[in-house]
Amino acid sequence: MPNIIIKAENPGKKYTIGHQAEKGGYTALRDVLMQNARTLWNKTKDLATGKPIIKATQRKKHGHSRM
């Protein structure tokens, strides 16, 4: 009878889904829908009150500098 070198009992598999690996959690569909509804409401409210919907960002001018 040969000697057993490696023995495994009850091996299992564990899978990590890519988007869950980044966040480490689960997001329910109702949470996504509520977040989108809240964002839409806030943007509509901002538009009605005259606030800009898209906030401007500071940009640096790209050009060649002379030495």
PDB file of N, CA and C in Angstrom:
ATOM      1  N   MET A   1       0.842  -1.173   0.000  1.00  0.00           N
ATOM      2  CA  MET A   1       0.000   0.000   0.000  1.00  0.00           C
ATOM      3  C   MET A   1       0.895   1.247   0.000  1.00  0.00           C
ATOM      4  N   PRO A   2       0.651   2.166  -0.947  1.00  0.00           N
ATOM      5  CA  PRO A   2       1.503   3.360  -1.032  1.00  0.00           C
ATOM      6  C   PRO A   2       1.219   4.329   0.117  1.00  0.00           C
ATOM      7  N   ASN A   3       2.243   5.106   0.460  1.00  0.00           N
ATOM      8  CA  ASN A   3       2.094   6.129   1.504  1.00  0.00           C
ATOM      9  C   ASN A   3       1.318   7.326   0.953  1.00  0.00           C
ATOM     10  N   ILE A   4       0.433   7.877   1.762  1.00  0.00           N
ATOM     11  CA  ILE A   4      -0.338   9.054   1.347  1.00  0.00           C
ATOM     12  C   ILE A   4       0.512  10.289   1.606  1.00  0.00           C
ATOM     13  N   ILE A   5       0.711  11.077   0.558  1.00  0.00           N
ATOM     14  CA  ILE A   5       1.510  12.295   0.685  1.00  0.00           C
ATOM     15  C   ILE A   5       0.607  13.499   0.962  1.00  0.00           C
ATOM     16  N   ILE A   6      -0.467  13.628   0.214  1.00  0.00           N
ATOM     17  CA  ILE A   6      -1.403  14.748   0.388  1.00  0.00           C
ATOM     18  C   ILE A   6      -2.793  14.165   0.570  1.00  0.00           C
ATOM     19  N   LYS A   7      -3.500  14.675   1.569  1.00  0.00           N
ATOM     20  CA  LYS A   7      -4.857  14.218   1.818  1.00  0.00           C
ATOM     21  C   LYS A   7      -5.738  15.449   2.034  1.00  0.00           C
ATOM     22  N   ALA A   8      -6.869  15.502   1.341  1.00  0.00           N
ATOM     23  CA  ALA A   8      -7.806  16.620   1.480  1.00  0.00           C
ATOM     24  C   ALA A   8      -9.174  16.063   1.834  1.00  0.00           C
ATOM     25  N   GLU A   9      -9.782  16.667   2.851  1.00  0.00           N
ATOM     26  CA  GLU A   9     -11.119  16.252   3.256  1.00  0.00           C
ATOM     27  C   GLU A   9     -12.065  17.438   3.122  1.00  0.00           C
ATOM     28  N   ASN A  10     -13.208  17.214   2.519  1.00  0.00           N
ATOM     29  CA  ASN A  10     -14.239  18.241   2.332  1.00  0.00           C
ATOM     30  C   ASN A  10     -13.708  19.521   1.685  1.00  0.00           C
ATOM     31  N   PRO A  11     -13.080  19.419   0.532  1.00  0.00           N
ATOM     32  CA  PRO A  11     -12.605  20.644  -0.119  1.00  0.00           C
ATOM     33  C   PRO A  11     -13.797  21.481  -0.593  1.00  0.00           C
ATOM     34  N   GLY A  12     -13.629  22.763  -0.604  1.00  0.00           N
ATOM     35  CA  GLY A  12     -14.701  23.655  -1.035  1.00  0.00           C
ATOM     36  C   GLY A  12     -14.144  24.708  -1.971  1.00  0.00           C
ATOM     37  N   LYS A  13     -15.038  25.454  -2.558  1.00  0.00           N
ATOM     38  CA  LYS A  13     -14.636  26.526  -3.468  1.00  0.00           C
ATOM     39  C   LYS A  13     -15.242  27.826  -2.973  1.00  0.00           C
ATOM     40  N   LYS A  14     -14.513  28.910  -3.136  1.00  0.00           N
ATOM     41  CA  LYS A  14     -15.006  30.223  -2.763  1.00  0.00           C
ATOM     42  C   LYS A  14     -14.710  31.153  -3.931  1.00  0.00           C
ATOM     43  N   TYR A  15     -15.745  31.836  -4.388  1.00  0.00           N
ATOM     44  CA  TYR A  15     -15.610  32.738  -5.520  1.00  0.00           C
ATOM     45  C   TYR A  15     -15.838  34.173  -5.066  1.00  0.00           C
ATOM     46  N   THR A  16     -15.082  35.079  -5.626  1.00  0.00           N
ATOM     47  CA  THR A  16     -15.271  36.497  -5.364  1.00  0.00           C
ATOM     48  C   THR A  16     -15.658  37.164  -6.664  1.00  0.00           C
ATOM     49  N   ILE A  17     -16.824  37.802  -6.681  1.00  0.00           N
ATOM     50  CA  ILE A  17     -17.280  38.507  -7.866  1.00  0.00           C
ATOM     51  C   ILE A  17     -16.581  39.858  -7.889  1.00  0.00           C
ATOM     52  N   GLY A  18     -16.135  40.272  -9.064  1.00  0.00           N
ATOM     53  CA  GLY A  18     -15.313  41.473  -9.205  1.00  0.00           C
ATOM     54  C   GLY A  18     -15.849  42.707  -8.529  1.00  0.00           C
ATOM     55  N   HIS A  19     -17.096  43.097  -8.785  1.00  0.00           N
ATOM     56  CA  HIS A  19     -17.614  44.330  -8.199  1.00  0.00           C
ATOM     57  C   HIS A  19     -17.832  44.204  -6.695  1.00  0.00           C
ATOM     58  N   GLN A  20     -18.003  42.988  -6.191  1.00  0.00           N
ATOM     59  CA  GLN A  20     -18.149  42.811  -4.754  1.00  0.00           C
ATOM     60  C   GLN A  20     -16.793  42.839  -4.061  1.00  0.00           C
ATOM     61  N   ALA A  21     -15.756  42.454  -4.773  1.00  0.00           N
ATOM     62  CA  ALA A  21     -14.422  42.464  -4.184  1.00  0.00           C
ATOM     63  C   ALA A  21     -13.969  43.885  -3.922  1.00  0.00           C
ATOM     64  N   GLU A  22     -14.335  44.822  -4.806  1.00  0.00           N
ATOM     65  CA  GLU A  22     -13.924  46.214  -4.640  1.00  0.00           C
ATOM     66  C   GLU A  22     -14.634  46.865  -3.464  1.00  0.00           C
ATOM     67  N   LYS A  23     -15.945  46.680  -3.383  1.00  0.00           N
ATOM     68  CA  LYS A  23     -16.731  47.321  -2.328  1.00  0.00           C
ATOM     69  C   LYS A  23     -16.711  46.505  -1.046  1.00  0.00           C
ATOM     70  N   GLY A  24     -16.700  45.216  -1.200  1.00  0.00           N
ATOM     71  CA  GLY A  24     -16.740  44.361  -0.035  1.00  0.00           C
ATOM     72  C   GLY A  24     -18.142  44.190   0.549  1.00  0.00           C
ATOM     73  N   GLY A  25     -19.173  44.615  -0.180  1.00  0.00           N
ATOM     74  CA  GLY A  25     -20.525  44.517   0.343  1.00  0.00           C
ATOM     75  C   GLY A  25     -21.537  44.272  -0.756  1.00  0.00           C
ATOM     76  N   TYR A  26     -22.777  44.244  -0.347  1.00  0.00           N
ATOM     77  CA  TYR A  26     -23.870  43.987  -1.262  1.00  0.00           C
ATOM     78  C   TYR A  26     -24.767  45.210  -1.300  1.00  0.00           C
ATOM     79  N   THR A  27     -25.160  45.628  -2.486  1.00  0.00           N
ATOM     80  CA  THR A  27     -26.070  46.754  -2.637  1.00  0.00           C
ATOM     81  C   THR A  27     -27.362  46.240  -3.258  1.00  0.00           C
ATOM     82  N   ALA A  28     -28.459  46.452  -2.557  1.00  0.00           N
ATOM     83  CA  ALA A  28     -29.753  45.994  -3.033  1.00  0.00           C
ATOM     84  C   ALA A  28     -30.255  46.915  -4.146  1.00  0.00           C
ATOM     85  N   LEU A  29     -31.100  46.379  -5.011  1.00  0.00           N
ATOM     86  CA  LEU A  29     -31.662  47.156  -6.108  1.00  0.00           C
ATOM     87  C   LEU A  29     -32.444  48.352  -5.586  1.00  0.00           C
ATOM     88  N   ARG A  30     -33.171  48.165  -4.496  1.00  0.00           N
ATOM     89  CA  ARG A  30     -33.951  49.283  -3.943  1.00  0.00           C
ATOM     90  C   ARG A  30     -33.037  50.417  -3.486  1.00  0.00           C
ATOM     91  N   ASP A  31     -31.833  50.092  -2.988  1.00  0.00           N
ATOM     92  CA  ASP A  31     -30.885  51.128  -2.580  1.00  0.00           C
ATOM     93  C   ASP A  31     -30.387  51.919  -3.785  1.00  0.00           C
ATOM     94  N   VAL A  32     -30.133  51.223  -4.883  1.00  0.00           N
ATOM     95  CA  VAL A  32     -29.686  51.885  -6.113  1.00  0.00           C
ATOM     96  C   VAL A  32     -30.795  52.780  -6.653  1.00  0.00           C
ATOM     97  N   LEU A  33     -32.026  52.268  -6.668  1.00  0.00           N
ATOM     98  CA  LEU A  33     -33.156  53.057  -7.163  1.00  0.00           C
ATOM     99  C   LEU A  33     -33.403  54.285  -6.295  1.00  0.00           C
ATOM    100  N   MET A  34     -33.316  54.136  -4.985  1.00  0.00           N
ATOM    101  CA  MET A  34     -33.523  55.276  -4.089  1.00  0.00           C
ATOM    102  C   MET A  34     -32.419  56.312  -4.240  1.00  0.00           C
ATOM    103  N   GLN A  35     -31.189  55.874  -4.423  1.00  0.00           N
ATOM    104  CA  GLN A  35     -30.080  56.815  -4.624  1.00  0.00           C
ATOM    105  C   GLN A  35     -30.272  57.596  -5.922  1.00  0.00           C
ATOM    106  N   ASN A  36     -30.689  56.910  -6.978  1.00  0.00           N
ATOM    107  CA  ASN A  36     -30.928  57.592  -8.255  1.00  0.00           C
ATOM    108  C   ASN A  36     -32.097  58.565  -8.144  1.00  0.00           C
ATOM    109  N   ALA A  37     -33.160  58.177  -7.438  1.00  0.00           N
ATOM    110  CA  ALA A  37     -34.310  59.065  -7.246  1.00  0.00           C
ATOM    111  C   ALA A  37     -33.905  60.292  -6.430  1.00  0.00           C
ATOM    112  N   ARG A  38     -33.098  60.095  -5.405  1.00  0.00           N
ATOM    113  CA  ARG A  38     -32.630  61.200  -4.564  1.00  0.00           C
ATOM    114  C   ARG A  38     -31.762  62.160  -5.375  1.00  0.00           C
ATOM    115  N   THR A  39     -30.883  61.613  -6.221  1.00  0.00           N
ATOM    116  CA  THR A  39     -30.031  62.443  -7.064  1.00  0.00           C
ATOM    117  C   THR A  39     -30.879  63.245  -8.053  1.00  0.00           C
ATOM    118  N   LEU A  40     -31.863  62.596  -8.669  1.00  0.00           N
ATOM    119  CA  LEU A  40     -32.748  63.284  -9.608  1.00  0.00           C
ATOM    120  C   LEU A  40     -33.524  64.401  -8.897  1.00  0.00           C
ATOM    121  N   TRP A  41     -34.034  64.109  -7.700  1.00  0.00           N
ATOM    122  CA  TRP A  41     -34.777  65.109  -6.940  1.00  0.00           C
ATOM    123  C   TRP A  41     -33.888  66.320  -6.614  1.00  0.00           C
ATOM    124  N   ASN A  42     -32.670  66.051  -6.152  1.00  0.00           N
ATOM    125  CA  ASN A  42     -31.761  67.146  -5.801  1.00  0.00           C
ATOM    126  C   ASN A  42     -31.389  67.985  -7.020  1.00  0.00           C
ATOM    127  N   LYS A  43     -31.165  67.349  -8.156  1.00  0.00           N
ATOM    128  CA  LYS A  43     -30.832  68.098  -9.371  1.00  0.00           C
ATOM    129  C   LYS A  43     -32.024  68.925  -9.846  1.00  0.00           C
ATOM    130  N   THR A  44     -33.230  68.362  -9.742  1.00  0.00           N
ATOM    131  CA  THR A  44     -34.435  69.090 -10.127  1.00  0.00           C
ATOM    132  C   THR A  44     -34.636  70.295  -9.209  1.00  0.00           C
ATOM    133  N   LYS A  45     -34.425  70.084  -7.918  1.00  0.00           N
ATOM    134  CA  LYS A  45     -34.552  71.156  -6.937  1.00  0.00           C
ATOM    135  C   LYS A  45     -33.519  72.256  -7.214  1.00  0.00           C
ATOM    136  N   ASP A  46     -32.279  71.869  -7.518  1.00  0.00           N
ATOM    137  CA  ASP A  46     -31.235  72.847  -7.837  1.00  0.00           C
ATOM    138  C   ASP A  46     -31.586  73.640  -9.095  1.00  0.00           C
ATOM    139  N   LEU A  47     -32.112  72.954 -10.091  1.00  0.00           N
ATOM    140  CA  LEU A  47     -32.489  73.621 -11.337  1.00  0.00           C
ATOM    141  C   LEU A  47     -33.612  74.631 -11.078  1.00  0.00           C
ATOM    142  N   ALA A  48     -34.575  74.257 -10.256  1.00  0.00           N
ATOM    143  CA  ALA A  48     -35.702  75.133  -9.946  1.00  0.00           C
ATOM    144  C   ALA A  48     -35.271  76.367  -9.153  1.00  0.00           C
ATOM    145  N   THR A  49     -34.239  76.227  -8.331  1.00  0.00           N
ATOM    146  CA  THR A  49     -33.779  77.355  -7.510  1.00  0.00           C
ATOM    147  C   THR A  49     -32.666  78.148  -8.174  1.00  0.00           C
ATOM    148  N   GLY A  50     -32.246  77.735  -9.370  1.00  0.00           N
ATOM    149  CA  GLY A  50     -31.241  78.481 -10.111  1.00  0.00           C
ATOM    150  C   GLY A  50     -29.806  78.072  -9.843  1.00  0.00           C
ATOM    151  N   LYS A  51     -29.597  77.029  -9.089  1.00  0.00           N
ATOM    152  CA  LYS A  51     -28.229  76.553  -8.839  1.00  0.00           C
ATOM    153  C   LYS A  51     -27.746  75.771 -10.052  1.00  0.00           C
ATOM    154  N   PRO A  52     -26.451  75.831 -10.339  1.00  0.00           N
ATOM    155  CA  PRO A  52     -25.945  75.051 -11.474  1.00  0.00           C
ATOM    156  C   PRO A  52     -26.012  73.554 -11.184  1.00  0.00           C
ATOM    157  N   ILE A  53     -26.403  72.805 -12.193  1.00  0.00           N
ATOM    158  CA  ILE A  53     -26.492  71.352 -12.020  1.00  0.00           C
ATOM    159  C   ILE A  53     -25.103  70.724 -12.084  1.00  0.00           C
ATOM    160  N   ILE A  54     -24.308  71.193 -13.019  1.00  0.00           N
ATOM    161  CA  ILE A  54     -22.947  70.680 -13.169  1.00  0.00           C
ATOM    162  C   ILE A  54     -22.011  71.699 -12.529  1.00  0.00           C
ATOM    163  N   LYS A  55     -21.254  71.249 -11.570  1.00  0.00           N
ATOM    164  CA  LYS A  55     -20.338  72.144 -10.890  1.00  0.00           C
ATOM    165  C   LYS A  55     -19.056  72.263 -11.702  1.00  0.00           C
ATOM    166  N   ALA A  56     -18.575  73.485 -11.830  1.00  0.00           N
ATOM    167  CA  ALA A  56     -17.364  73.743 -12.599  1.00  0.00           C
ATOM    168  C   ALA A  56     -16.142  73.292 -11.807  1.00  0.00           C
ATOM    169  N   THR A  57     -15.160  72.826 -12.521  1.00  0.00           N
ATOM    170  CA  THR A  57     -13.899  72.451 -11.897  1.00  0.00           C
ATOM    171  C   THR A  57     -12.814  73.380 -12.396  1.00  0.00           C
ATOM    172  N   GLN A  58     -11.823  73.568 -11.584  1.00  0.00           N
ATOM    173  CA  GLN A  58     -10.714  74.425 -11.975  1.00  0.00           C
ATOM    174  C   GLN A  58      -9.833  73.674 -12.947  1.00  0.00           C
ATOM    175  N   ARG A  59      -9.485  74.326 -14.020  1.00  0.00           N
ATOM    176  CA  ARG A  59      -8.622  73.692 -15.012  1.00  0.00           C
ATOM    177  C   ARG A  59      -7.364  74.509 -15.171  1.00  0.00           C
ATOM    178  N   LYS A  60      -6.284  73.831 -15.336  1.00  0.00           N
ATOM    179  CA  LYS A  60      -5.018  74.494 -15.598  1.00  0.00           C
ATOM    180  C   LYS A  60      -4.856  74.613 -17.102  1.00  0.00           C
ATOM    181  N   LYS A  61      -4.296  75.728 -17.527  1.00  0.00           N
ATOM    182  CA  LYS A  61      -4.045  75.903 -18.947  1.00  0.00           C
ATOM    183  C   LYS A  61      -2.853  75.039 -19.338  1.00  0.00           C
ATOM    184  N   HIS A  62      -3.041  74.307 -20.405  1.00  0.00           N
ATOM    185  CA  HIS A  62      -1.955  73.482 -20.910  1.00  0.00           C
ATOM    186  C   HIS A  62      -1.288  74.232 -22.047  1.00  0.00           C
ATOM    187  N   GLY A  63      -0.078  74.536 -21.867  1.00  0.00           N
ATOM    188  CA  GLY A  63       0.654  75.256 -22.905  1.00  0.00           C
ATOM    189  C   GLY A  63       2.140  75.003 -22.758  1.00  0.00           C
ATOM    190  N   HIS A  64       2.849  75.493 -23.668  1.00  0.00           N
ATOM    191  CA  HIS A  64       4.298  75.329 -23.624  1.00  0.00           C
ATOM    192  C   HIS A  64       4.893  76.517 -22.899  1.00  0.00           C
ATOM    193  N   SER A  65       5.747  76.262 -21.976  1.00  0.00           N
ATOM    194  CA  SER A  65       6.406  77.367 -21.273  1.00  0.00           C
ATOM    195  C   SER A  65       7.753  77.627 -21.918  1.00  0.00           C
ATOM    196  N   ARG A  66       8.086  78.882 -21.946  1.00  0.00           N
ATOM    197  CA  ARG A  66       9.374  79.263 -22.539  1.00  0.00           C
ATOM    198  C   ARG A  66      10.415  79.336 -21.455  1.00  0.00           C
ATOM    199  N   MET A  67      11.581  78.905 -21.801  1.00  0.00           N
ATOM    200  CA  MET A  67      12.682  78.929 -20.842  1.00  0.00           C
ATOM    201  C   MET A  67      13.659  79.985 -21.175  1.00  0.00           C
TER     202      MET A  67
END
